[in-house]
Amino acid sequence: MKTAHTENLRGDRRLRDGLSRYAREIVVVLVVKTFVLVAIWQVWFSAPARPQVDGGQIAARIYSSTAIPADERERHAGP
């Protein structure tokens, strides 16, 4: 039999204990997910996506390349 007195005791216990079981579970899941997302970001996405290349490196790469042999040009020529 529920009375106002027993319901108040239950409510007081919840206030005294803090969060309910489900609220604690949700908080734990959110903290774990946040930790995992931060770890994933640190491993795969925190470094720059492309290396720093200046004009001198580009010029050295372009001007140091050799010409394609004639037979290979003919093999790759369009119709």
PDB file of N, CA and C in Angstrom:
ATOM      1  N   MET A   1       0.829  -1.163   0.000  1.00  0.00           N
ATOM      2  CA  MET A   1       0.000   0.000   0.000  1.00  0.00           C
ATOM      3  C   MET A   1       0.888   1.246   0.000  1.00  0.00           C
ATOM      4  N   LYS A   2       0.659   2.097  -0.991  1.00  0.00           N
ATOM      5  CA  LYS A   2       1.441   3.316  -1.101  1.00  0.00           C
ATOM      6  C   LYS A   2       0.732   4.441  -0.373  1.00  0.00           C
ATOM      7  N   THR A   3       1.502   5.112   0.382  1.00  0.00           N
ATOM      8  CA  THR A   3       0.972   6.298   1.051  1.00  0.00           C
ATOM      9  C   THR A   3       1.855   7.475   0.679  1.00  0.00           C
ATOM     10  N   ALA A   4       1.427   8.636   1.031  1.00  0.00           N
ATOM     11  CA  ALA A   4       2.227   9.832   0.749  1.00  0.00           C
ATOM     12  C   ALA A   4       3.578   9.744   1.449  1.00  0.00           C
ATOM     13  N   HIS A   5       3.577   9.130   2.606  1.00  0.00           N
ATOM     14  CA  HIS A   5       4.828   9.001   3.358  1.00  0.00           C
ATOM     15  C   HIS A   5       5.829   8.105   2.622  1.00  0.00           C
ATOM     16  N   THR A   6       5.390   6.923   2.089  1.00  0.00           N
ATOM     17  CA  THR A   6       6.312   6.014   1.403  1.00  0.00           C
ATOM     18  C   THR A   6       6.768   6.591   0.070  1.00  0.00           C
ATOM     19  N   GLU A   7       5.907   7.289  -0.636  1.00  0.00           N
ATOM     20  CA  GLU A   7       6.325   7.899  -1.896  1.00  0.00           C
ATOM     21  C   GLU A   7       7.343   8.998  -1.661  1.00  0.00           C
ATOM     22  N   ASN A   8       7.172   9.759  -0.603  1.00  0.00           N
ATOM     23  CA  ASN A   8       8.144  10.794  -0.286  1.00  0.00           C
ATOM     24  C   ASN A   8       9.490  10.191   0.077  1.00  0.00           C
ATOM     25  N   LEU A   9       9.477   9.064   0.767  1.00  0.00           N
ATOM     26  CA  LEU A   9      10.736   8.405   1.106  1.00  0.00           C
ATOM     27  C   LEU A   9      11.454   7.952  -0.148  1.00  0.00           C
ATOM     28  N   ARG A  10      10.694   7.390  -1.103  1.00  0.00           N
ATOM     29  CA  ARG A  10      11.308   6.945  -2.354  1.00  0.00           C
ATOM     30  C   ARG A  10      11.873   8.139  -3.117  1.00  0.00           C
ATOM     31  N   GLY A  11      11.128   9.215  -3.166  1.00  0.00           N
ATOM     32  CA  GLY A  11      11.625  10.416  -3.836  1.00  0.00           C
ATOM     33  C   GLY A  11      12.849  10.985  -3.143  1.00  0.00           C
ATOM     34  N   ASP A  12      12.851  10.957  -1.829  1.00  0.00           N
ATOM     35  CA  ASP A  12      14.003  11.449  -1.088  1.00  0.00           C
ATOM     36  C   ASP A  12      15.230  10.584  -1.359  1.00  0.00           C
ATOM     37  N   ARG A  13      15.025   9.277  -1.487  1.00  0.00           N
ATOM     38  CA  ARG A  13      16.145   8.376  -1.763  1.00  0.00           C
ATOM     39  C   ARG A  13      16.759   8.690  -3.122  1.00  0.00           C
ATOM     40  N   ARG A  14      15.906   8.946  -4.098  1.00  0.00           N
ATOM     41  CA  ARG A  14      16.437   9.281  -5.422  1.00  0.00           C
ATOM     42  C   ARG A  14      17.251  10.563  -5.380  1.00  0.00           C
ATOM     43  N   LEU A  15      16.745  11.545  -4.644  1.00  0.00           N
ATOM     44  CA  LEU A  15      17.496  12.782  -4.529  1.00  0.00           C
ATOM     45  C   LEU A  15      18.804  12.558  -3.790  1.00  0.00           C
ATOM     46  N   ARG A  16      18.770  11.733  -2.759  1.00  0.00           N
ATOM     47  CA  ARG A  16      19.954  11.462  -1.963  1.00  0.00           C
ATOM     48  C   ARG A  16      20.985  10.667  -2.767  1.00  0.00           C
ATOM     49  N   ASP A  17      20.528   9.672  -3.556  1.00  0.00           N
ATOM     50  CA  ASP A  17      21.434   8.823  -4.331  1.00  0.00           C
ATOM     51  C   ASP A  17      21.954   9.528  -5.581  1.00  0.00           C
ATOM     52  N   GLY A  18      21.340  10.588  -5.983  1.00  0.00           N
ATOM     53  CA  GLY A  18      21.770  11.281  -7.193  1.00  0.00           C
ATOM     54  C   GLY A  18      20.933  10.829  -8.375  1.00  0.00           C
ATOM     55  N   LEU A  19      21.589  10.423  -9.436  1.00  0.00           N
ATOM     56  CA  LEU A  19      20.902  10.037 -10.659  1.00  0.00           C
ATOM     57  C   LEU A  19      20.298   8.645 -10.554  1.00  0.00           C
ATOM     58  N   SER A  20      19.266   8.411 -11.341  1.00  0.00           N
ATOM     59  CA  SER A  20      18.688   7.075 -11.379  1.00  0.00           C
ATOM     60  C   SER A  20      19.644   6.126 -12.100  1.00  0.00           C
ATOM     61  N   ARG A  21      19.329   4.863 -12.069  1.00  0.00           N
ATOM     62  CA  ARG A  21      20.187   3.837 -12.697  1.00  0.00           C
ATOM     63  C   ARG A  21      20.336   4.090 -14.185  1.00  0.00           C
ATOM     64  N   TYR A  22      19.225   4.415 -14.850  1.00  0.00           N
ATOM     65  CA  TYR A  22      19.274   4.637 -16.293  1.00  0.00           C
ATOM     66  C   TYR A  22      20.029   5.910 -16.640  1.00  0.00           C
ATOM     67  N   ALA A  23      19.880   6.925 -15.821  1.00  0.00           N
ATOM     68  CA  ALA A  23      20.614   8.169 -16.065  1.00  0.00           C
ATOM     69  C   ALA A  23      22.117   7.938 -15.919  1.00  0.00           C
ATOM     70  N   ARG A  24      22.514   7.166 -14.893  1.00  0.00           N
ATOM     71  CA  ARG A  24      23.940   6.839 -14.733  1.00  0.00           C
ATOM     72  C   ARG A  24      24.442   6.041 -15.922  1.00  0.00           C
ATOM     73  N   GLU A  25      23.635   5.102 -16.390  1.00  0.00           N
ATOM     74  CA  GLU A  25      24.028   4.277 -17.537  1.00  0.00           C
ATOM     75  C   GLU A  25      24.198   5.132 -18.788  1.00  0.00           C
ATOM     76  N   ILE A  26      23.289   6.067 -19.005  1.00  0.00           N
ATOM     77  CA  ILE A  26      23.385   6.957 -20.167  1.00  0.00           C
ATOM     78  C   ILE A  26      24.625   7.828 -20.068  1.00  0.00           C
ATOM     79  N   VAL A  27      24.913   8.346 -18.894  1.00  0.00           N
ATOM     80  CA  VAL A  27      26.102   9.174 -18.708  1.00  0.00           C
ATOM     81  C   VAL A  27      27.361   8.364 -18.982  1.00  0.00           C
ATOM     82  N   VAL A  28      27.424   7.139 -18.499  1.00  0.00           N
ATOM     83  CA  VAL A  28      28.593   6.289 -18.737  1.00  0.00           C
ATOM     84  C   VAL A  28      28.761   6.011 -20.228  1.00  0.00           C
ATOM     85  N   VAL A  29      27.675   5.694 -20.914  1.00  0.00           N
ATOM     86  CA  VAL A  29      27.747   5.417 -22.353  1.00  0.00           C
ATOM     87  C   VAL A  29      28.217   6.654 -23.107  1.00  0.00           C
ATOM     88  N   LEU A  30      27.710   7.829 -22.758  1.00  0.00           N
ATOM     89  CA  LEU A  30      28.130   9.059 -23.436  1.00  0.00           C
ATOM     90  C   LEU A  30      29.600   9.371 -23.184  1.00  0.00           C
ATOM     91  N   VAL A  31      30.067   9.133 -21.981  1.00  0.00           N
ATOM     92  CA  VAL A  31      31.483   9.374 -21.681  1.00  0.00           C
ATOM     93  C   VAL A  31      32.362   8.413 -22.471  1.00  0.00           C
ATOM     94  N   VAL A  32      31.981   7.141 -22.528  1.00  0.00           N
ATOM     95  CA  VAL A  32      32.761   6.154 -23.288  1.00  0.00           C
ATOM     96  C   VAL A  32      32.766   6.503 -24.769  1.00  0.00           C
ATOM     97  N   LYS A  33      31.616   6.873 -25.322  1.00  0.00           N
ATOM     98  CA  LYS A  33      31.550   7.248 -26.738  1.00  0.00           C
ATOM     99  C   LYS A  33      32.404   8.473 -27.028  1.00  0.00           C
ATOM    100  N   THR A  34      32.379   9.439 -26.138  1.00  0.00           N
ATOM    101  CA  THR A  34      33.207  10.627 -26.333  1.00  0.00           C
ATOM    102  C   THR A  34      34.685  10.258 -26.328  1.00  0.00           C
ATOM    103  N   PHE A  35      35.078   9.410 -25.395  1.00  0.00           N
ATOM    104  CA  PHE A  35      36.468   8.966 -25.333  1.00  0.00           C
ATOM    105  C   PHE A  35      36.872   8.250 -26.623  1.00  0.00           C
ATOM    106  N   VAL A  36      36.016   7.370 -27.123  1.00  0.00           N
ATOM    107  CA  VAL A  36      36.324   6.625 -28.348  1.00  0.00           C
ATOM    108  C   VAL A  36      36.409   7.570 -29.546  1.00  0.00           C
ATOM    109  N   LEU A  37      35.500   8.523 -29.651  1.00  0.00           N
ATOM    110  CA  LEU A  37      35.547   9.473 -30.769  1.00  0.00           C
ATOM    111  C   LEU A  37      36.805  10.334 -30.728  1.00  0.00           C
ATOM    112  N   VAL A  38      37.214  10.760 -29.550  1.00  0.00           N
ATOM    113  CA  VAL A  38      38.442  11.546 -29.431  1.00  0.00           C
ATOM    114  C   VAL A  38      39.647  10.698 -29.822  1.00  0.00           C
ATOM    115  N   ALA A  39      39.666   9.443 -29.407  1.00  0.00           N
ATOM    116  CA  ALA A  39      40.772   8.550 -29.768  1.00  0.00           C
ATOM    117  C   ALA A  39      40.829   8.333 -31.274  1.00  0.00           C
ATOM    118  N   ILE A  40      39.684   8.110 -31.902  1.00  0.00           N
ATOM    119  CA  ILE A  40      39.640   7.928 -33.360  1.00  0.00           C
ATOM    120  C   ILE A  40      40.135   9.188 -34.056  1.00  0.00           C
ATOM    121  N   TRP A  41      39.695  10.355 -33.593  1.00  0.00           N
ATOM    122  CA  TRP A  41      40.123  11.602 -34.206  1.00  0.00           C
ATOM    123  C   TRP A  41      41.632  11.771 -34.078  1.00  0.00           C
ATOM    124  N   GLN A  42      42.174  11.468 -32.910  1.00  0.00           N
ATOM    125  CA  GLN A  42      43.612  11.615 -32.694  1.00  0.00           C
ATOM    126  C   GLN A  42      44.414  10.687 -33.604  1.00  0.00           C
ATOM    127  N   VAL A  43      43.921   9.474 -33.805  1.00  0.00           N
ATOM    128  CA  VAL A  43      44.676   8.493 -34.590  1.00  0.00           C
ATOM    129  C   VAL A  43      44.616   8.808 -36.080  1.00  0.00           C
ATOM    130  N   TRP A  44      43.425   9.099 -36.604  1.00  0.00           N
ATOM    131  CA  TRP A  44      43.280   9.213 -38.056  1.00  0.00           C
ATOM    132  C   TRP A  44      43.132  10.623 -38.599  1.00  0.00           C
ATOM    133  N   PHE A  45      42.660  11.585 -37.838  1.00  0.00           N
ATOM    134  CA  PHE A  45      42.315  12.871 -38.425  1.00  0.00           C
ATOM    135  C   PHE A  45      43.087  14.061 -37.874  1.00  0.00           C
ATOM    136  N   SER A  46      43.935  13.907 -36.903  1.00  0.00           N
ATOM    137  CA  SER A  46      44.599  15.061 -36.306  1.00  0.00           C
ATOM    138  C   SER A  46      45.801  15.539 -37.118  1.00  0.00           C
ATOM    139  N   ALA A  47      46.432  14.677 -37.885  1.00  0.00           N
ATOM    140  CA  ALA A  47      47.589  15.070 -38.687  1.00  0.00           C
ATOM    141  C   ALA A  47      47.118  15.781 -39.956  1.00  0.00           C
ATOM    142  N   PRO A  48      47.951  16.653 -40.527  1.00  0.00           N
ATOM    143  CA  PRO A  48      47.562  17.317 -41.772  1.00  0.00           C
ATOM    144  C   PRO A  48      47.325  16.300 -42.879  1.00  0.00           C
ATOM    145  N   ALA A  49      46.356  16.590 -43.722  1.00  0.00           N
ATOM    146  CA  ALA A  49      45.988  15.649 -44.779  1.00  0.00           C
ATOM    147  C   ALA A  49      47.011  15.605 -45.905  1.00  0.00           C
ATOM    148  N   ARG A  50      47.714  16.704 -46.124  1.00  0.00           N
ATOM    149  CA  ARG A  50      48.705  16.696 -47.192  1.00  0.00           C
ATOM    150  C   ARG A  50      50.012  17.287 -46.680  1.00  0.00           C
ATOM    151  N   PRO A  51      51.109  16.835 -47.238  1.00  0.00           N
ATOM    152  CA  PRO A  51      52.398  17.345 -46.776  1.00  0.00           C
ATOM    153  C   PRO A  51      52.625  18.783 -47.252  1.00  0.00           C
ATOM    154  N   GLN A  52      53.489  19.505 -46.559  1.00  0.00           N
ATOM    155  CA  GLN A  52      53.841  20.861 -46.958  1.00  0.00           C
ATOM    156  C   GLN A  52      54.829  20.786 -48.115  1.00  0.00           C
ATOM    157  N   VAL A  53      54.455  21.343 -49.248  1.00  0.00           N
ATOM    158  CA  VAL A  53      55.301  21.319 -50.435  1.00  0.00           C
ATOM    159  C   VAL A  53      55.473  22.758 -50.901  1.00  0.00           C
ATOM    160  N   ASP A  54      56.718  23.157 -51.116  1.00  0.00           N
ATOM    161  CA  ASP A  54      56.946  24.512 -51.606  1.00  0.00           C
ATOM    162  C   ASP A  54      57.256  24.490 -53.096  1.00  0.00           C
ATOM    163  N   GLY A  55      57.390  25.661 -53.672  1.00  0.00           N
ATOM    164  CA  GLY A  55      57.617  25.777 -55.118  1.00  0.00           C
ATOM    165  C   GLY A  55      58.902  25.110 -55.576  1.00  0.00           C
ATOM    166  N   GLY A  56      59.934  25.171 -54.759  1.00  0.00           N
ATOM    167  CA  GLY A  56      61.208  24.550 -55.139  1.00  0.00           C
ATOM    168  C   GLY A  56      61.095  23.039 -55.264  1.00  0.00           C
ATOM    169  N   GLN A  57      60.350  22.418 -54.374  1.00  0.00           N
ATOM    170  CA  GLN A  57      60.162  20.963 -54.450  1.00  0.00           C
ATOM    171  C   GLN A  57      59.348  20.585 -55.688  1.00  0.00           C
ATOM    172  N   ILE A  58      58.346  21.373 -56.006  1.00  0.00           N
ATOM    173  CA  ILE A  58      57.530  21.095 -57.195  1.00  0.00           C
ATOM    174  C   ILE A  58      58.375  21.229 -58.449  1.00  0.00           C
ATOM    175  N   ALA A  59      59.156  22.304 -58.542  1.00  0.00           N
ATOM    176  CA  ALA A  59      60.004  22.503 -59.720  1.00  0.00           C
ATOM    177  C   ALA A  59      61.023  21.382 -59.864  1.00  0.00           C
ATOM    178  N   ALA A  60      61.633  20.971 -58.759  1.00  0.00           N
ATOM    179  CA  ALA A  60      62.617  19.898 -58.824  1.00  0.00           C
ATOM    180  C   ALA A  60      61.971  18.607 -59.311  1.00  0.00           C
ATOM    181  N   ARG A  61      60.762  18.347 -58.873  1.00  0.00           N
ATOM    182  CA  ARG A  61      60.063  17.126 -59.280  1.00  0.00           C
ATOM    183  C   ARG A  61      59.693  17.169 -60.762  1.00  0.00           C
ATOM    184  N   ILE A  62      59.220  18.307 -61.243  1.00  0.00           N
ATOM    185  CA  ILE A  62      58.798  18.418 -62.651  1.00  0.00           C
ATOM    186  C   ILE A  62      60.001  18.411 -63.579  1.00  0.00           C
ATOM    187  N   TYR A  63      61.012  19.205 -63.276  1.00  0.00           N
ATOM    188  CA  TYR A  63      62.148  19.340 -64.192  1.00  0.00           C
ATOM    189  C   TYR A  63      63.104  18.174 -64.120  1.00  0.00           C
ATOM    190  N   SER A  64      63.018  17.336 -63.119  1.00  0.00           N
ATOM    191  CA  SER A  64      63.916  16.189 -63.039  1.00  0.00           C
ATOM    192  C   SER A  64      63.312  14.952 -63.701  1.00  0.00           C
ATOM    193  N   SER A  65      62.094  15.041 -64.187  1.00  0.00           N
ATOM    194  CA  SER A  65      61.467  13.875 -64.809  1.00  0.00           C
ATOM    195  C   SER A  65      62.020  13.673 -66.220  1.00  0.00           C
ATOM    196  N   THR A  66      61.983  12.438 -66.660  1.00  0.00           N
ATOM    197  CA  THR A  66      62.487  12.111 -67.986  1.00  0.00           C
ATOM    198  C   THR A  66      61.326  12.001 -68.960  1.00  0.00           C
ATOM    199  N   ALA A  67      61.648  12.136 -70.235  1.00  0.00           N
ATOM    200  CA  ALA A  67      60.620  12.053 -71.268  1.00  0.00           C
ATOM    201  C   ALA A  67      60.163  10.600 -71.432  1.00  0.00           C
ATOM    202  N   ILE A  68      58.917  10.453 -71.856  1.00  0.00           N
ATOM    203  CA  ILE A  68      58.377   9.114 -72.113  1.00  0.00           C
ATOM    204  C   ILE A  68      58.941   8.607 -73.433  1.00  0.00           C
ATOM    205  N   PRO A  69      59.417   7.363 -73.498  1.00  0.00           N
ATOM    206  CA  PRO A  69      59.927   6.816 -74.762  1.00  0.00           C
ATOM    207  C   PRO A  69      58.839   6.815 -75.839  1.00  0.00           C
ATOM    208  N   ALA A  70      59.250   6.904 -77.099  1.00  0.00           N
ATOM    209  CA  ALA A  70      58.314   7.007 -78.221  1.00  0.00           C
ATOM    210  C   ALA A  70      57.397   5.791 -78.306  1.00  0.00           C
ATOM    211  N   ASP A  71      57.929   4.595 -78.102  1.00  0.00           N
ATOM    212  CA  ASP A  71      57.081   3.406 -78.210  1.00  0.00           C
ATOM    213  C   ASP A  71      55.987   3.393 -77.134  1.00  0.00           C
ATOM    214  N   GLU A  72      56.278   3.922 -75.979  1.00  0.00           N
ATOM    215  CA  GLU A  72      55.272   3.966 -74.912  1.00  0.00           C
ATOM    216  C   GLU A  72      54.220   5.034 -75.215  1.00  0.00           C
ATOM    217  N   ARG A  73      54.625   6.131 -75.847  1.00  0.00           N
ATOM    218  CA  ARG A  73      53.662   7.165 -76.233  1.00  0.00           C
ATOM    219  C   ARG A  73      52.657   6.605 -77.234  1.00  0.00           C
ATOM    220  N   GLU A  74      53.137   5.825 -78.174  1.00  0.00           N
ATOM    221  CA  GLU A  74      52.249   5.245 -79.199  1.00  0.00           C
ATOM    222  C   GLU A  74      51.298   4.226 -78.583  1.00  0.00           C
ATOM    223  N   ARG A  75      51.777   3.498 -77.622  1.00  0.00           N
ATOM    224  CA  ARG A  75      50.950   2.484 -76.974  1.00  0.00           C
ATOM    225  C   ARG A  75      49.804   3.132 -76.216  1.00  0.00           C
ATOM    226  N   HIS A  76      50.005   4.308 -75.652  1.00  0.00           N
ATOM    227  CA  HIS A  76      48.971   4.980 -74.861  1.00  0.00           C
ATOM    228  C   HIS A  76      48.204   6.028 -75.665  1.00  0.00           C
ATOM    229  N   ALA A  77      48.495   6.146 -76.934  1.00  0.00           N
ATOM    230  CA  ALA A  77      47.804   7.145 -77.751  1.00  0.00           C
ATOM    231  C   ALA A  77      46.346   6.742 -77.946  1.00  0.00           C
ATOM    232  N   GLY A  78      45.491   7.754 -78.017  1.00  0.00           N
ATOM    233  CA  GLY A  78      44.052   7.498 -78.197  1.00  0.00           C
ATOM    234  C   GLY A  78      43.749   7.006 -79.615  1.00  0.00           C
ATOM    235  N   PRO A  79      42.494   6.641 -79.895  1.00  0.00           N
ATOM    236  CA  PRO A  79      42.121   6.111 -81.226  1.00  0.00           C
ATOM    237  C   PRO A  79      42.172   7.130 -82.322  1.00  0.00           C
TER     238      PRO A  79
END
